[in-house]
Amino acid sequence: MKKLVLLVSFAFLSLFTSCEDDEKLVDDFVQENYIVGKWYIKQIGAMNNLNTIVYVDYTNDSTCEGDNLVLTENGTFEENSFEVVGSACENFQTNGTYNLDKNILNLLTVNEEGETETLPLSIISLTYDAVNISFTDPDTGLLV
């Protein structure tokens, strides 16, 4: 009987210790920010008249680096849009800050008048190596 009480006590103590370790793991867990990184545009799509998104491959001039969006850990972004001008490849860069509110990635820039402009991007899906976003083009009003 003594052995049974000792065994049950040991099992209870192990369970209690195990729960403490699990709680510590939960407290120490840090979720990785998958949105941070350098994202290259691979495809672009637009809604057609049948309310279906049609995607086409997005290509840059072969002499230029691919257009990209760089999101940093400290909440800043850099949008790089490359274009051949004359015989050289030029980068038309936009810098600003961003914030993530659930599935909305807000890109904030300051215009020439000093006013903050926001471009909200809806994150449709996000994995370790791909993100699918949609937004309304401010120039055309079309869903992209």
C-alpha atoms as a PDB file:
ATOM      1  CA  MET A   1       0.000   0.000   0.000  1.00  0.00           C
ATOM      2  CA  LYS A   2       2.894   2.340   0.825  1.00  0.00           C
ATOM      3  CA  LYS A   3       4.304   1.770  -2.656  1.00  0.00           C
ATOM      4  CA  LEU A   4       0.938   2.567  -4.251  1.00  0.00           C
ATOM      5  CA  VAL A   5       0.605   5.841  -2.301  1.00  0.00           C
ATOM      6  CA  LEU A   6       4.200   6.735  -3.204  1.00  0.00           C
ATOM      7  CA  LEU A   7       3.592   5.894  -6.880  1.00  0.00           C
ATOM      8  CA  VAL A   8       0.364   7.943  -7.001  1.00  0.00           C
ATOM      9  CA  SER A   9       2.102  10.853  -5.238  1.00  0.00           C
ATOM     10  CA  PHE A  10       4.991  10.696  -7.704  1.00  0.00           C
ATOM     11  CA  ALA A  11       2.576  10.587 -10.667  1.00  0.00           C
ATOM     12  CA  PHE A  12       0.669  13.608  -9.324  1.00  0.00           C
ATOM     13  CA  LEU A  13       3.918  15.521  -8.736  1.00  0.00           C
ATOM     14  CA  SER A  14       5.110  14.699 -12.276  1.00  0.00           C
ATOM     15  CA  LEU A  15       1.808  15.880 -13.711  1.00  0.00           C
ATOM     16  CA  PHE A  16       2.012  19.103 -11.735  1.00  0.00           C
ATOM     17  CA  THR A  17       5.611  19.697 -12.865  1.00  0.00           C
ATOM     18  CA  SER A  18       4.651  18.872 -16.434  1.00  0.00           C
ATOM     19  CA  CYS A  19       1.874  21.474 -16.393  1.00  0.00           C
ATOM     20  CA  GLU A  20       4.287  24.127 -15.113  1.00  0.00           C
ATOM     21  CA  ASP A  21       6.676  23.357 -17.968  1.00  0.00           C
ATOM     22  CA  ASP A  22       3.836  23.617 -20.510  1.00  0.00           C
ATOM     23  CA  GLU A  23       2.797  26.994 -19.104  1.00  0.00           C
ATOM     24  CA  LYS A  24       6.400  28.191 -19.309  1.00  0.00           C
ATOM     25  CA  LEU A  25       6.557  27.128 -22.970  1.00  0.00           C
ATOM     26  CA  VAL A  26       3.379  29.072 -23.722  1.00  0.00           C
ATOM     27  CA  ASP A  27       4.716  32.153 -21.927  1.00  0.00           C
ATOM     28  CA  ASP A  28       8.063  31.936 -23.778  1.00  0.00           C
ATOM     29  CA  PHE A  29       6.490  31.364 -27.214  1.00  0.00           C
ATOM     30  CA  VAL A  30       7.072  34.231 -29.631  1.00  0.00           C
ATOM     31  CA  GLN A  31       5.071  34.192 -32.838  1.00  0.00           C
ATOM     32  CA  GLU A  32       7.201  34.924 -35.878  1.00  0.00           C
ATOM     33  CA  ASN A  33       6.176  37.937 -37.939  1.00  0.00           C
ATOM     34  CA  TYR A  34       5.800  36.313 -41.358  1.00  0.00           C
ATOM     35  CA  ILE A  35       4.950  39.596 -43.086  1.00  0.00           C
ATOM     36  CA  VAL A  36       8.510  40.886 -42.521  1.00  0.00           C
ATOM     37  CA  GLY A  37      10.812  40.380 -45.490  1.00  0.00           C
ATOM     38  CA  LYS A  38      11.388  41.217 -49.126  1.00  0.00           C
ATOM     39  CA  TRP A  39       8.387  40.371 -51.297  1.00  0.00           C
ATOM     40  CA  TYR A  40       8.632  40.203 -55.096  1.00  0.00           C
ATOM     41  CA  ILE A  41       5.589  40.634 -57.310  1.00  0.00           C
ATOM     42  CA  LYS A  42       5.012  37.391 -59.233  1.00  0.00           C
ATOM     43  CA  GLN A  43       1.455  37.814 -60.517  1.00  0.00           C
ATOM     44  CA  ILE A  44      -1.104  40.567 -60.714  1.00  0.00           C
ATOM     45  CA  GLY A  45      -4.814  40.098 -61.088  1.00  0.00           C
ATOM     46  CA  ALA A  46      -7.948  42.092 -61.605  1.00  0.00           C
ATOM     47  CA  MET A  47     -11.645  41.396 -61.272  1.00  0.00           C
ATOM     48  CA  ASN A  48     -13.361  40.740 -64.588  1.00  0.00           C
ATOM     49  CA  ASN A  49     -17.039  41.350 -65.428  1.00  0.00           C
ATOM     50  CA  LEU A  50     -17.907  37.842 -64.137  1.00  0.00           C
ATOM     51  CA  ASN A  51     -16.559  38.801 -60.673  1.00  0.00           C
ATOM     52  CA  THR A  52     -13.652  36.403 -61.089  1.00  0.00           C
ATOM     53  CA  ILE A  53     -10.062  37.411 -60.478  1.00  0.00           C
ATOM     54  CA  VAL A  54      -7.900  36.819 -63.533  1.00  0.00           C
ATOM     55  CA  TYR A  55      -4.163  36.555 -62.848  1.00  0.00           C
ATOM     56  CA  VAL A  56      -1.309  37.197 -65.273  1.00  0.00           C
ATOM     57  CA  ASP A  57       2.417  36.812 -64.690  1.00  0.00           C
ATOM     58  CA  TYR A  58       4.113  40.052 -63.702  1.00  0.00           C
ATOM     59  CA  THR A  59       7.447  40.684 -65.382  1.00  0.00           C
ATOM     60  CA  ASN A  60      10.009  43.433 -65.217  1.00  0.00           C
ATOM     61  CA  ASP A  61      12.483  44.343 -67.912  1.00  0.00           C
ATOM     62  CA  SER A  62      15.209  41.683 -67.744  1.00  0.00           C
ATOM     63  CA  THR A  63      17.885  44.343 -67.104  1.00  0.00           C
ATOM     64  CA  CYS A  64      16.171  45.451 -63.897  1.00  0.00           C
ATOM     65  CA  GLU A  65      15.662  43.842 -60.522  1.00  0.00           C
ATOM     66  CA  GLY A  66      12.107  42.681 -59.868  1.00  0.00           C
ATOM     67  CA  ASP A  67       9.685  45.152 -58.319  1.00  0.00           C
ATOM     68  CA  ASN A  68       9.452  44.439 -54.616  1.00  0.00           C
ATOM     69  CA  LEU A  69       8.148  45.498 -51.241  1.00  0.00           C
ATOM     70  CA  VAL A  70      10.442  45.324 -48.206  1.00  0.00           C
ATOM     71  CA  LEU A  71       8.772  45.195 -44.775  1.00  0.00           C
ATOM     72  CA  THR A  72      11.049  45.533 -41.754  1.00  0.00           C
ATOM     73  CA  GLU A  73      10.701  44.456 -38.119  1.00  0.00           C
ATOM     74  CA  ASN A  74      10.608  48.107 -36.974  1.00  0.00           C
ATOM     75  CA  GLY A  75       7.458  48.936 -38.988  1.00  0.00           C
ATOM     76  CA  THR A  76       9.001  50.677 -41.990  1.00  0.00           C
ATOM     77  CA  PHE A  77       8.577  49.726 -45.630  1.00  0.00           C
ATOM     78  CA  GLU A  78      10.318  50.355 -48.913  1.00  0.00           C
ATOM     79  CA  GLU A  79       8.541  49.871 -52.232  1.00  0.00           C
ATOM     80  CA  ASN A  80      10.920  49.467 -55.165  1.00  0.00           C
ATOM     81  CA  SER A  81       9.547  49.926 -58.659  1.00  0.00           C
ATOM     82  CA  PHE A  82      12.166  49.463 -61.384  1.00  0.00           C
ATOM     83  CA  GLU A  83      11.855  50.890 -64.878  1.00  0.00           C
ATOM     84  CA  VAL A  84      14.214  51.329 -67.818  1.00  0.00           C
ATOM     85  CA  VAL A  85      14.751  55.025 -68.513  1.00  0.00           C
ATOM     86  CA  GLY A  86      16.936  55.635 -71.559  1.00  0.00           C
ATOM     87  CA  SER A  87      19.478  52.854 -71.299  1.00  0.00           C
ATOM     88  CA  ALA A  88      19.594  52.595 -67.490  1.00  0.00           C
ATOM     89  CA  CYS A  89      17.397  50.879 -64.979  1.00  0.00           C
ATOM     90  CA  GLU A  90      16.022  53.331 -62.408  1.00  0.00           C
ATOM     91  CA  ASN A  91      14.396  52.591 -59.077  1.00  0.00           C
ATOM     92  CA  PHE A  92      11.359  54.704 -58.232  1.00  0.00           C
ATOM     93  CA  GLN A  93      11.327  54.092 -54.505  1.00  0.00           C
ATOM     94  CA  THR A  94       8.601  54.898 -51.988  1.00  0.00           C
ATOM     95  CA  ASN A  95       9.336  54.789 -48.257  1.00  0.00           C
ATOM     96  CA  GLY A  96       7.019  54.905 -45.304  1.00  0.00           C
ATOM     97  CA  THR A  97       5.700  53.028 -42.317  1.00  0.00           C
ATOM     98  CA  TYR A  98       3.210  50.224 -42.028  1.00  0.00           C
ATOM     99  CA  ASN A  99       0.951  48.647 -39.459  1.00  0.00           C
ATOM    100  CA  LEU A 100      -0.854  45.366 -39.462  1.00  0.00           C
ATOM    101  CA  ASP A 101      -4.443  45.319 -38.192  1.00  0.00           C
ATOM    102  CA  LYS A 102      -5.673  41.706 -38.327  1.00  0.00           C
ATOM    103  CA  ASN A 103      -5.625  40.967 -42.072  1.00  0.00           C
ATOM    104  CA  ILE A 104      -5.172  44.592 -43.235  1.00  0.00           C
ATOM    105  CA  LEU A 105      -1.651  45.784 -44.011  1.00  0.00           C
ATOM    106  CA  ASN A 106      -1.740  49.595 -44.019  1.00  0.00           C
ATOM    107  CA  LEU A 107       1.080  51.307 -45.943  1.00  0.00           C
ATOM    108  CA  LEU A 108       1.462  54.907 -44.772  1.00  0.00           C
ATOM    109  CA  THR A 109       3.361  57.553 -46.736  1.00  0.00           C
ATOM    110  CA  VAL A 110       3.658  61.313 -46.433  1.00  0.00           C
ATOM    111  CA  ASN A 111       2.757  63.260 -49.593  1.00  0.00           C
ATOM    112  CA  GLU A 112       4.344  66.506 -50.819  1.00  0.00           C
ATOM    113  CA  GLU A 113       1.889  68.564 -48.733  1.00  0.00           C
ATOM    114  CA  GLY A 114       2.968  66.724 -45.568  1.00  0.00           C
ATOM    115  CA  GLU A 115      -0.282  64.768 -45.283  1.00  0.00           C
ATOM    116  CA  THR A 116      -0.283  61.077 -44.425  1.00  0.00           C
ATOM    117  CA  GLU A 117      -1.774  58.827 -47.086  1.00  0.00           C
ATOM    118  CA  THR A 118      -2.792  55.256 -46.358  1.00  0.00           C
ATOM    119  CA  LEU A 119      -3.012  52.365 -48.801  1.00  0.00           C
ATOM    120  CA  PRO A 120      -4.844  49.461 -47.127  1.00  0.00           C
ATOM    121  CA  LEU A 121      -3.887  46.035 -48.486  1.00  0.00           C
ATOM    122  CA  SER A 122      -6.160  43.113 -47.592  1.00  0.00           C
ATOM    123  CA  ILE A 123      -4.181  39.956 -46.906  1.00  0.00           C
ATOM    124  CA  ILE A 124      -6.075  37.097 -48.528  1.00  0.00           C
ATOM    125  CA  SER A 125      -3.508  34.443 -47.585  1.00  0.00           C
ATOM    126  CA  LEU A 126      -0.079  34.442 -45.979  1.00  0.00           C
ATOM    127  CA  THR A 127       2.450  31.636 -45.759  1.00  0.00           C
ATOM    128  CA  TYR A 128       6.133  31.579 -44.993  1.00  0.00           C
ATOM    129  CA  ASP A 129       7.046  32.316 -48.618  1.00  0.00           C
ATOM    130  CA  ALA A 130       3.950  33.777 -50.322  1.00  0.00           C
ATOM    131  CA  VAL A 131       1.378  36.453 -49.657  1.00  0.00           C
ATOM    132  CA  ASN A 132      -1.776  37.088 -51.662  1.00  0.00           C
ATOM    133  CA  ILE A 133      -3.174  40.610 -51.263  1.00  0.00           C
ATOM    134  CA  SER A 134      -5.939  42.700 -52.767  1.00  0.00           C
ATOM    135  CA  PHE A 135      -6.443  46.443 -52.801  1.00  0.00           C
ATOM    136  CA  THR A 136      -8.396  49.130 -54.596  1.00  0.00           C
ATOM    137  CA  ASP A 137      -6.205  51.051 -57.030  1.00  0.00           C
ATOM    138  CA  PRO A 138      -6.452  54.700 -55.904  1.00  0.00           C
ATOM    139  CA  ASP A 139      -6.024  55.947 -59.497  1.00  0.00           C
ATOM    140  CA  THR A 140      -8.582  53.713 -61.241  1.00  0.00           C
ATOM    141  CA  GLY A 141     -10.864  52.624 -58.381  1.00  0.00           C
ATOM    142  CA  LEU A 142     -10.510  49.012 -59.566  1.00  0.00           C
ATOM    143  CA  LEU A 143      -9.974  46.040 -57.266  1.00  0.00           C
ATOM    144  CA  VAL A 144      -6.500  44.604 -57.873  1.00  0.00           C
END
